[in-house]
Protein backbone atom coordinates (compact mmCIF):
# COMPACT_ATOMS: atom_id res chain seq x y z
CA UNK A 1 20.12 315.82 -33.14
CA UNK A 2 22.36 316.16 -30.11
CA UNK A 3 19.81 314.32 -27.94
CA UNK A 4 19.60 311.45 -30.44
CA UNK A 5 23.41 311.08 -30.52
CA UNK A 6 23.51 311.01 -26.71
CA UNK A 7 20.90 308.31 -26.75
CA UNK A 8 23.01 306.38 -29.37
CA UNK A 9 26.03 306.83 -27.26
CA UNK A 10 24.13 305.53 -24.12
CA UNK A 11 23.02 302.41 -26.05
CA UNK A 12 26.61 301.87 -27.25
CA UNK A 13 27.94 301.93 -23.67
CA UNK A 14 25.12 299.61 -22.59
CA UNK A 15 26.11 297.16 -25.29
CA UNK A 16 29.75 297.22 -24.10
CA UNK A 17 28.70 296.55 -20.49
CA UNK A 18 26.56 293.72 -21.60
CA UNK A 19 29.24 292.04 -23.58
CA UNK A 20 32.41 292.96 -21.56
CA UNK A 21 34.58 289.94 -22.53
CA UNK A 22 33.63 290.10 -26.15
CA UNK A 23 34.33 293.74 -26.37
CA UNK A 24 37.64 293.41 -24.67
CA UNK A 25 38.81 290.60 -27.02
CA UNK A 26 37.50 292.63 -29.97
CA UNK A 27 39.56 295.73 -29.26
CA UNK A 28 42.67 293.87 -28.16
CA UNK A 29 44.38 294.60 -31.54
CA UNK A 30 43.49 298.34 -31.20
CA UNK A 31 44.84 298.35 -27.66
CA UNK A 32 48.00 296.70 -28.76
CA UNK A 33 48.58 299.02 -31.79
CA UNK A 34 47.78 302.24 -29.99
CA UNK A 35 49.71 301.10 -26.92
CA UNK A 36 52.81 300.40 -28.98
CA UNK A 37 52.60 303.90 -30.52
CA UNK A 38 52.18 305.61 -27.09
CA UNK A 39 54.88 303.49 -25.42
CA UNK A 40 57.55 304.03 -28.13
CA UNK A 41 56.63 307.73 -28.11
CA UNK A 42 57.18 307.86 -24.34
CA UNK A 43 60.49 305.90 -24.52
CA UNK A 44 61.75 307.96 -27.42
CA UNK A 45 60.78 311.22 -25.75
CA UNK A 46 62.62 310.25 -22.52
CA UNK A 47 65.58 308.86 -24.33
CA UNK A 48 65.75 311.89 -26.62
CA UNK A 49 65.73 314.31 -23.67
CA UNK A 50 68.35 312.31 -21.81
CA UNK A 51 70.65 312.08 -24.90
CA UNK A 52 70.27 315.81 -25.60
CA UNK A 53 71.08 316.71 -21.98
CA UNK A 54 74.15 314.45 -22.08
CA UNK A 55 75.35 315.88 -25.45
CA UNK A 56 74.75 319.53 -24.47
CA UNK A 57 76.54 319.02 -21.23
CA UNK A 58 79.72 319.30 -23.20
CA UNK A 59 78.81 322.85 -24.01
CA UNK A 60 76.26 324.14 -26.56
CA UNK A 61 78.88 326.64 -27.81
CA UNK A 62 81.58 324.01 -28.45
CA UNK A 63 82.70 321.74 -31.33
CA UNK A 64 84.70 318.54 -31.08
CA UNK A 65 87.65 317.77 -33.44
CA UNK A 66 89.03 314.29 -34.14
CA UNK A 67 90.83 312.51 -36.98
CA UNK A 68 88.05 309.88 -36.84
CA UNK A 69 84.64 310.48 -38.37
CA UNK A 70 82.02 310.79 -35.60
CA UNK A 71 78.65 308.97 -35.46
CA UNK A 72 77.71 305.28 -35.53
CA UNK A 73 79.71 302.95 -37.70
CA UNK A 74 80.14 299.16 -38.07
CA UNK A 75 83.14 297.06 -38.82
CA UNK A 76 86.56 298.34 -39.54
CA UNK A 77 87.04 301.89 -40.51
CA UNK A 78 87.82 302.77 -44.10
CA UNK A 79 91.53 302.77 -45.14
CA UNK A 80 91.45 306.51 -45.93
CA UNK A 81 90.35 307.17 -42.28
CA UNK A 82 92.89 304.86 -40.74
CA UNK A 83 95.68 306.51 -42.78
CA UNK A 84 94.88 310.06 -41.62
CA UNK A 85 97.72 311.65 -39.60
CA UNK A 86 96.80 312.32 -35.91
CA UNK A 87 96.00 315.75 -34.60
CA UNK A 88 98.71 317.47 -32.59
CA UNK A 89 99.11 319.98 -29.79
CA UNK A 90 100.38 322.42 -32.44
CA UNK A 91 97.06 322.12 -34.30
CA UNK A 92 95.28 323.37 -31.22
CA UNK A 93 97.72 326.29 -30.81
CA UNK A 94 97.24 327.16 -34.43
CA UNK A 95 93.58 327.35 -33.98
CA UNK A 96 94.01 329.83 -31.21
CA UNK A 97 96.16 331.99 -33.48
CA UNK A 98 94.16 331.66 -36.70
CA UNK A 99 90.48 331.59 -35.58
CA UNK A 100 89.38 334.89 -33.97
CA UNK A 101 85.83 333.59 -33.30
CA UNK A 102 87.23 330.92 -31.05
CA UNK A 103 87.31 331.86 -27.42
CA UNK A 104 89.08 328.85 -25.98
CA UNK A 105 90.77 325.70 -27.20
CA UNK A 106 91.68 322.57 -25.15
CA UNK A 107 93.68 319.65 -26.34
CA UNK A 108 93.64 316.26 -24.58
CA UNK A 109 95.50 313.03 -25.29
CA UNK A 110 94.72 309.35 -24.76
CA UNK A 111 96.23 305.97 -25.42
CA UNK A 112 93.40 303.60 -26.26
CA UNK A 113 95.67 300.73 -27.35
CA UNK A 114 96.61 300.05 -23.72
CA UNK A 115 94.00 299.24 -20.98
CA UNK A 116 94.43 301.38 -17.93
CA UNK A 117 93.54 300.88 -14.24
CA UNK A 118 93.85 302.82 -10.99
CA UNK A 119 94.18 301.23 -7.59
CA UNK A 120 94.96 301.65 -3.85
CA UNK A 121 95.09 299.21 -1.01
CA UNK A 122 91.29 299.51 -0.66
CA UNK A 123 90.10 299.02 -4.18
CA UNK A 124 90.80 299.01 -7.90
CA UNK A 125 88.94 300.53 -10.97
CA UNK A 126 89.58 299.11 -14.37
CA UNK A 127 88.38 300.20 -17.82
CA UNK A 128 88.83 303.87 -16.77
CA UNK A 129 88.37 306.86 -19.05
CA UNK A 130 92.02 307.95 -18.79
CA UNK A 131 93.14 311.19 -20.35
CA UNK A 132 95.95 313.70 -20.28
CA UNK A 133 94.26 317.14 -20.23
CA UNK A 134 95.20 320.82 -20.19
CA UNK A 135 94.29 323.20 -17.42
CA UNK A 136 91.39 324.70 -19.35
CA UNK A 137 89.76 321.40 -19.89
CA UNK A 138 87.20 322.16 -17.19
CA UNK A 139 86.31 325.46 -18.78
CA UNK A 140 85.72 324.09 -22.23
CA UNK A 141 84.02 320.90 -21.15
CA UNK A 142 80.84 322.02 -19.29
CA UNK A 143 80.56 318.56 -17.72
CA UNK A 144 83.99 318.65 -16.00
CA UNK A 145 83.16 320.64 -12.93
CA UNK A 146 85.28 320.17 -9.78
CA UNK A 147 83.34 318.57 -6.93
CA UNK A 148 86.14 318.38 -4.37
CA UNK A 149 89.72 319.81 -4.19
CA UNK A 150 91.01 321.73 -7.19
CA UNK A 151 91.41 321.27 -10.90
CA UNK A 152 94.68 320.73 -12.67
CA UNK A 153 96.70 323.94 -13.20
CA UNK A 154 99.06 325.32 -15.83
CA UNK A 155 101.88 324.88 -13.32
CA UNK A 156 100.99 321.14 -12.98
CA UNK A 157 101.18 320.80 -16.67
CA UNK A 158 104.40 322.84 -17.12
CA UNK A 159 106.24 320.91 -14.52
CA UNK A 160 104.76 317.55 -15.48
CA UNK A 161 103.53 316.94 -11.93
CA UNK A 162 102.24 313.56 -11.11
CA UNK A 163 98.83 314.64 -9.88
CA UNK A 164 95.45 313.33 -10.78
CA UNK A 165 91.71 314.09 -10.68
CA UNK A 166 89.34 311.16 -10.11
CA UNK A 167 85.80 310.79 -11.42
CA UNK A 168 82.97 310.94 -8.79
CA UNK A 169 82.30 307.20 -9.02
CA UNK A 170 86.10 306.28 -8.96
CA UNK A 171 87.02 308.08 -5.74
CA UNK A 172 84.72 306.14 -3.30
CA UNK A 173 85.96 302.78 -4.65
CA UNK A 174 89.54 303.70 -4.00
CA UNK A 175 88.92 305.56 -0.77
CA UNK A 176 85.70 304.13 0.71
CA UNK A 177 86.02 305.61 4.22
CA UNK A 178 87.92 308.84 3.70
CA UNK A 179 88.43 311.79 1.44
CA UNK A 180 90.63 311.06 -1.61
CA UNK A 181 92.22 314.51 -1.57
CA UNK A 182 95.96 314.37 -0.90
CA UNK A 183 96.07 310.62 -1.04
CA UNK A 184 98.22 308.59 -3.45
CA UNK A 185 97.00 306.17 -6.12
CA UNK A 186 98.74 303.90 -8.57
CA UNK A 187 97.89 304.32 -12.23
CA UNK A 188 99.31 301.44 -14.24
CA UNK A 189 101.92 301.07 -11.49
CA UNK A 190 102.92 304.78 -11.32
CA UNK A 191 102.20 306.81 -8.19
CA UNK A 192 99.98 309.95 -8.42
CA UNK A 193 98.69 312.32 -5.81
CA UNK A 194 94.97 313.06 -5.82
CA UNK A 195 94.20 316.80 -6.01
CA UNK A 196 90.49 316.84 -6.89
CA UNK A 197 87.33 314.91 -7.72
CA UNK A 198 85.42 315.66 -10.99
CA UNK A 199 81.65 315.90 -10.58
CA UNK A 200 79.63 313.26 -12.30
CA UNK A 201 77.78 314.60 -15.38
CA UNK A 202 73.97 315.10 -14.93
CA UNK A 203 71.38 313.39 -17.01
CA UNK A 204 72.90 309.92 -17.36
CA UNK A 205 70.73 306.84 -17.48
CA UNK A 206 71.00 303.07 -17.14
CA UNK A 207 72.73 300.90 -14.59
CA UNK A 208 76.22 301.54 -15.99
CA UNK A 209 75.94 305.29 -15.68
CA UNK A 210 79.30 305.79 -14.03
CA UNK A 211 81.87 308.46 -14.06
CA UNK A 212 85.20 306.65 -14.58
CA UNK A 213 87.23 309.56 -15.67
CA UNK A 214 90.84 309.76 -14.47
CA UNK A 215 92.50 313.08 -15.53
CA UNK A 216 96.26 313.89 -15.34
CA UNK A 217 98.22 316.82 -16.85
CA UNK A 218 98.68 316.74 -20.59
CA UNK A 219 102.42 316.92 -20.43
CA UNK A 220 102.64 314.41 -17.59
CA UNK A 221 100.71 311.95 -19.69
CA UNK A 222 103.11 312.42 -22.66
CA UNK A 223 106.10 311.96 -20.34
CA UNK A 224 104.71 308.70 -18.73
CA UNK A 225 103.23 307.32 -21.94
CA UNK A 226 105.81 308.33 -24.58
CA UNK A 227 104.05 306.17 -27.21
CA UNK A 228 100.73 308.07 -26.95
CA UNK A 229 99.88 310.07 -30.11
CA UNK A 230 96.11 310.29 -30.33
CA UNK A 231 95.14 313.94 -29.58
CA UNK A 232 91.63 315.45 -29.56
CA UNK A 233 90.63 319.03 -29.64
CA UNK A 234 87.50 320.82 -28.41
CA UNK A 235 86.94 324.48 -29.23
CA UNK A 236 84.71 326.96 -27.51
CA UNK A 237 83.26 329.74 -29.57
CA UNK A 238 82.78 333.34 -28.53
CA UNK A 239 79.05 334.25 -27.87
CA UNK A 240 76.86 333.65 -30.88
CA UNK A 241 79.79 332.99 -33.14
CA UNK A 242 79.83 329.14 -33.29
CA UNK A 243 79.33 328.94 -37.01
CA UNK A 244 82.12 331.42 -37.69
CA UNK A 245 84.31 329.59 -35.16
CA UNK A 246 83.73 326.23 -36.99
CA UNK A 247 84.48 327.68 -40.45
CA UNK A 248 87.63 329.40 -39.22
CA UNK A 249 88.81 326.27 -37.45
CA UNK A 250 88.18 324.13 -40.54
CA UNK A 251 90.17 326.49 -42.64
CA UNK A 252 93.13 326.45 -40.27
CA UNK A 253 93.14 322.64 -40.09
CA UNK A 254 92.73 322.10 -43.82
CA UNK A 255 95.71 324.42 -44.47
CA UNK A 256 97.86 322.75 -41.79
CA UNK A 257 96.94 319.25 -43.00
CA UNK A 258 97.52 320.11 -46.67
CA UNK A 259 93.96 319.18 -47.78
CA UNK A 260 93.42 320.21 -51.52
CA UNK A 261 90.47 322.62 -52.08
CA UNK A 262 88.58 319.92 -53.99
CA UNK A 263 88.99 317.17 -51.40
CA UNK A 264 86.95 316.49 -48.26
CA UNK A 265 88.24 317.13 -44.76
CA UNK A 266 90.67 314.48 -43.43
CA UNK A 267 89.37 315.14 -39.93
CA UNK A 268 85.91 315.51 -38.36
CA UNK A 269 84.57 318.65 -36.78
CA UNK A 270 81.21 318.31 -35.13
CA UNK A 271 79.15 320.71 -33.00
CA UNK A 272 76.88 319.56 -30.19
CA UNK A 273 73.86 320.67 -32.24
CA UNK A 274 74.99 318.47 -35.15
CA UNK A 275 75.16 315.50 -32.79
CA UNK A 276 71.65 316.20 -31.54
CA UNK A 277 70.34 316.41 -35.22
CA UNK A 278 72.13 313.18 -36.10
CA UNK A 279 70.52 311.44 -33.14
CA UNK A 280 67.12 312.85 -34.21
CA UNK A 281 67.54 311.27 -37.61
CA UNK A 282 68.19 307.92 -36.05
CA UNK A 283 65.22 308.25 -33.75
CA UNK A 284 62.96 309.27 -36.63
CA UNK A 285 63.78 306.12 -38.49
CA UNK A 286 63.07 303.99 -35.41
CA UNK A 287 59.71 305.87 -34.90
CA UNK A 288 58.80 305.20 -38.60
CA UNK A 289 59.47 301.55 -38.25
CA UNK A 290 57.39 301.41 -35.06
CA UNK A 291 54.51 303.09 -36.81
CA UNK A 292 54.55 300.51 -39.58
CA UNK A 293 54.58 297.67 -37.10
CA UNK A 294 51.85 299.12 -34.90
CA UNK A 295 49.69 299.63 -38.05
CA UNK A 296 49.54 295.85 -38.43
CA UNK A 297 48.04 295.56 -34.94
CA UNK A 298 45.54 298.34 -35.77
CA UNK A 299 44.56 296.64 -38.99
CA UNK A 300 43.94 293.33 -37.09
CA UNK A 301 41.99 295.29 -34.47
CA UNK A 302 39.91 297.02 -37.10
CA UNK A 303 39.03 293.80 -38.88
CA UNK A 304 38.03 292.36 -35.49
CA UNK A 305 35.79 295.36 -34.80
CA UNK A 306 34.16 295.02 -38.25
CA UNK A 307 33.44 291.37 -37.74
CA UNK A 308 31.95 291.81 -34.33
CA UNK A 309 29.81 294.72 -35.50
CA UNK A 310 28.48 292.52 -38.38
CA UNK A 311 27.60 289.90 -35.74
CA UNK A 312 25.89 292.66 -33.73
CA UNK A 313 23.86 293.83 -36.70
CA UNK A 314 22.76 290.14 -37.28
CA UNK A 315 21.84 289.70 -33.59
CA UNK A 316 19.84 292.98 -33.56
CA UNK A 317 18.02 292.60 -36.89
CA UNK A 318 14.67 292.53 -35.23
CA UNK A 319 15.51 295.52 -33.11
CA UNK A 320 16.46 297.47 -36.31
CA UNK A 321 13.20 296.46 -37.88
CA UNK A 322 11.27 297.78 -34.83
CA UNK A 323 13.16 301.09 -34.88
CA UNK A 324 12.52 301.56 -38.59
CA UNK A 325 8.85 300.71 -38.16
CA UNK A 326 8.31 303.49 -35.62
CA UNK A 327 10.00 306.14 -37.73
CA UNK A 328 13.82 305.75 -37.47
CA UNK A 329 15.58 306.83 -40.63
CA UNK A 330 18.48 305.07 -42.29
CA UNK A 331 20.86 307.80 -41.07
CA UNK A 332 19.74 307.21 -37.45
CA UNK A 333 20.53 303.46 -37.78
CA UNK A 334 23.81 304.28 -39.53
CA UNK A 335 24.97 306.60 -36.66
CA UNK A 336 23.81 304.16 -33.98
CA UNK A 337 26.17 301.52 -35.21
CA UNK A 338 28.96 303.88 -36.15
CA UNK A 339 28.91 305.37 -32.57
CA UNK A 340 28.92 301.89 -31.12
CA UNK A 341 32.04 300.99 -33.13
CA UNK A 342 33.76 304.32 -32.30
CA UNK A 343 32.89 303.90 -28.64
CA UNK A 344 34.24 300.37 -28.73
CA UNK A 345 37.62 301.35 -30.21
CA UNK A 346 37.75 304.60 -28.17
CA UNK A 347 37.54 302.65 -24.96
CA UNK A 348 40.40 300.55 -26.32
CA UNK A 349 42.46 303.69 -26.79
CA UNK A 350 41.78 304.72 -23.17
CA UNK A 351 42.77 301.23 -21.93
CA UNK A 352 45.99 301.50 -23.90
CA UNK A 353 46.69 304.98 -22.45
CA UNK A 354 46.15 303.68 -18.91
CA UNK A 355 48.30 300.63 -19.48
CA UNK A 356 51.20 302.65 -21.04
CA UNK A 357 51.12 305.17 -18.23
CA UNK A 358 51.33 302.41 -15.73
CA UNK A 359 54.35 300.97 -17.56
CA UNK A 360 56.05 304.40 -17.73
CA UNK A 361 55.55 305.01 -13.98
CA UNK A 362 57.10 301.57 -13.32
CA UNK A 363 60.13 302.40 -15.52
CA UNK A 364 60.51 305.82 -13.81
CA UNK A 365 60.36 304.13 -10.31
CA UNK A 366 62.77 301.32 -11.26
CA UNK A 367 65.37 303.24 -13.20
CA UNK A 368 66.87 306.77 -13.57
CA UNK A 369 65.36 307.06 -17.05
CA UNK A 370 62.58 309.55 -17.31
CA UNK A 371 60.19 308.54 -20.12
CA UNK A 372 56.89 310.45 -20.39
CA UNK A 373 53.95 310.01 -22.76
CA UNK A 374 53.91 313.34 -24.70
CA UNK A 375 50.60 315.12 -25.23
CA UNK A 376 50.72 314.67 -28.95
CA UNK A 377 51.01 310.83 -28.51
CA UNK A 378 47.96 310.85 -26.34
CA UNK A 379 45.93 312.82 -28.78
CA UNK A 380 47.14 310.81 -31.76
CA UNK A 381 46.43 307.54 -29.94
CA UNK A 382 42.86 308.49 -28.97
CA UNK A 383 42.10 309.92 -32.49
CA UNK A 384 43.51 306.88 -34.12
CA UNK A 385 41.58 304.50 -31.95
CA UNK A 386 38.28 306.35 -32.62
CA UNK A 387 39.05 306.59 -36.31
CA UNK A 388 39.54 302.77 -36.48
CA UNK A 389 35.96 302.39 -35.28
CA UNK A 390 34.70 304.92 -37.70
CA UNK A 391 36.50 303.40 -40.72
CA UNK A 392 35.84 299.79 -39.93
CA UNK A 393 32.33 300.39 -38.68
CA UNK A 394 31.06 301.88 -42.00
CA UNK A 395 30.17 298.64 -43.64
CA UNK A 396 28.31 297.09 -40.72
CA UNK A 397 26.44 300.40 -40.17
CA UNK A 398 25.63 300.70 -43.80
CA UNK A 399 24.35 297.07 -43.82
CA UNK A 400 22.11 297.76 -40.88
CA UNK A 401 20.76 300.91 -42.42
CA UNK A 402 19.83 299.13 -45.62
CA UNK A 403 17.79 296.39 -43.98
CA UNK A 404 14.20 296.15 -45.07
CA UNK A 405 11.96 296.87 -41.99
CA UNK A 406 9.41 294.26 -42.94
CA UNK A 407 12.05 291.51 -43.44
CA UNK A 408 13.77 292.58 -40.29
CA UNK A 409 10.61 292.28 -38.24
CA UNK A 410 10.12 288.75 -39.52
CA UNK A 411 13.77 287.82 -38.50
CA UNK A 412 14.05 285.30 -35.67
């Protein structure tokens, strides 16, 4: 039996070599459908890993608190959300007192209504990520490590010193030929002394992956920008106590913000793991849509395979008659044509795999993105391609097996 199947497989490969162009055009739909599945899997896998790295850089044991609901949204925010009162520095202090599972709390402030820029005689950077932060900002935010100089201190904050830390991509623009430490910059026209440079977060992607952070002491920010009111809080939980820390923090804030027991939070509190899960939900929907679209290509490819196999049966009617006349059974004929169809579509799956890996290599070379075709996508792609040949080859194979040997031998 195994020897017979090897012979059938050899005949199938000979048929493919004999009709190269016809075979290639036949499996084009299969190549397209399987290739789309593999390519999307590679892109999503790389994107997912990059986003997870970026999200978890904030600290896996941390949670972010804002008066605005987190996650994607379109259009203007709901009235209830716009009317929420801002978070305050005192909210952060209350969390320290009332949440034993919280190890550290940092509060930072921003003024989004006003565009900000930082400049020197040698350069200017606009659209900066400008914040007033506390001295423990670098401890709670895992992606705020100091690259050069020192971080802001409690003394800087207490005395409202006009000192600043620049993002890794900001410093070279303002000071292209020298170190930024100890030099003066102008932020919205006010002079600040550079005391440090923040290291760029790892794992970014895309051409606009820039660290435009500009950090000054919290109280200095409030002094210079008296109209600023939008505070944000990040908590860091004690080891293995993130869930307890979140529950305790929520209780403290609901009490301080007078939220009735039967009403939802009028603030958002989101852990990094929740952000990852939310992203996975979005990715899952994209993957589902992709599978549906690629199925159309697979269906077209399957119909093409069935048609070409029917043509092959017609062309080889006399050959089938000869085989039956010398003792071939109907099952042998069926497997001959099924294996030929499966080989045809299987080769299409391999072509799709090679093409997708070539595109992935090109993307990895040209960008900082790191897509990779996961093993499950390779297995699924090959299995699906072979299955298409099996499913759509049944009718032609059955038709060939049912031919009458006498009539088949008479066929010209």
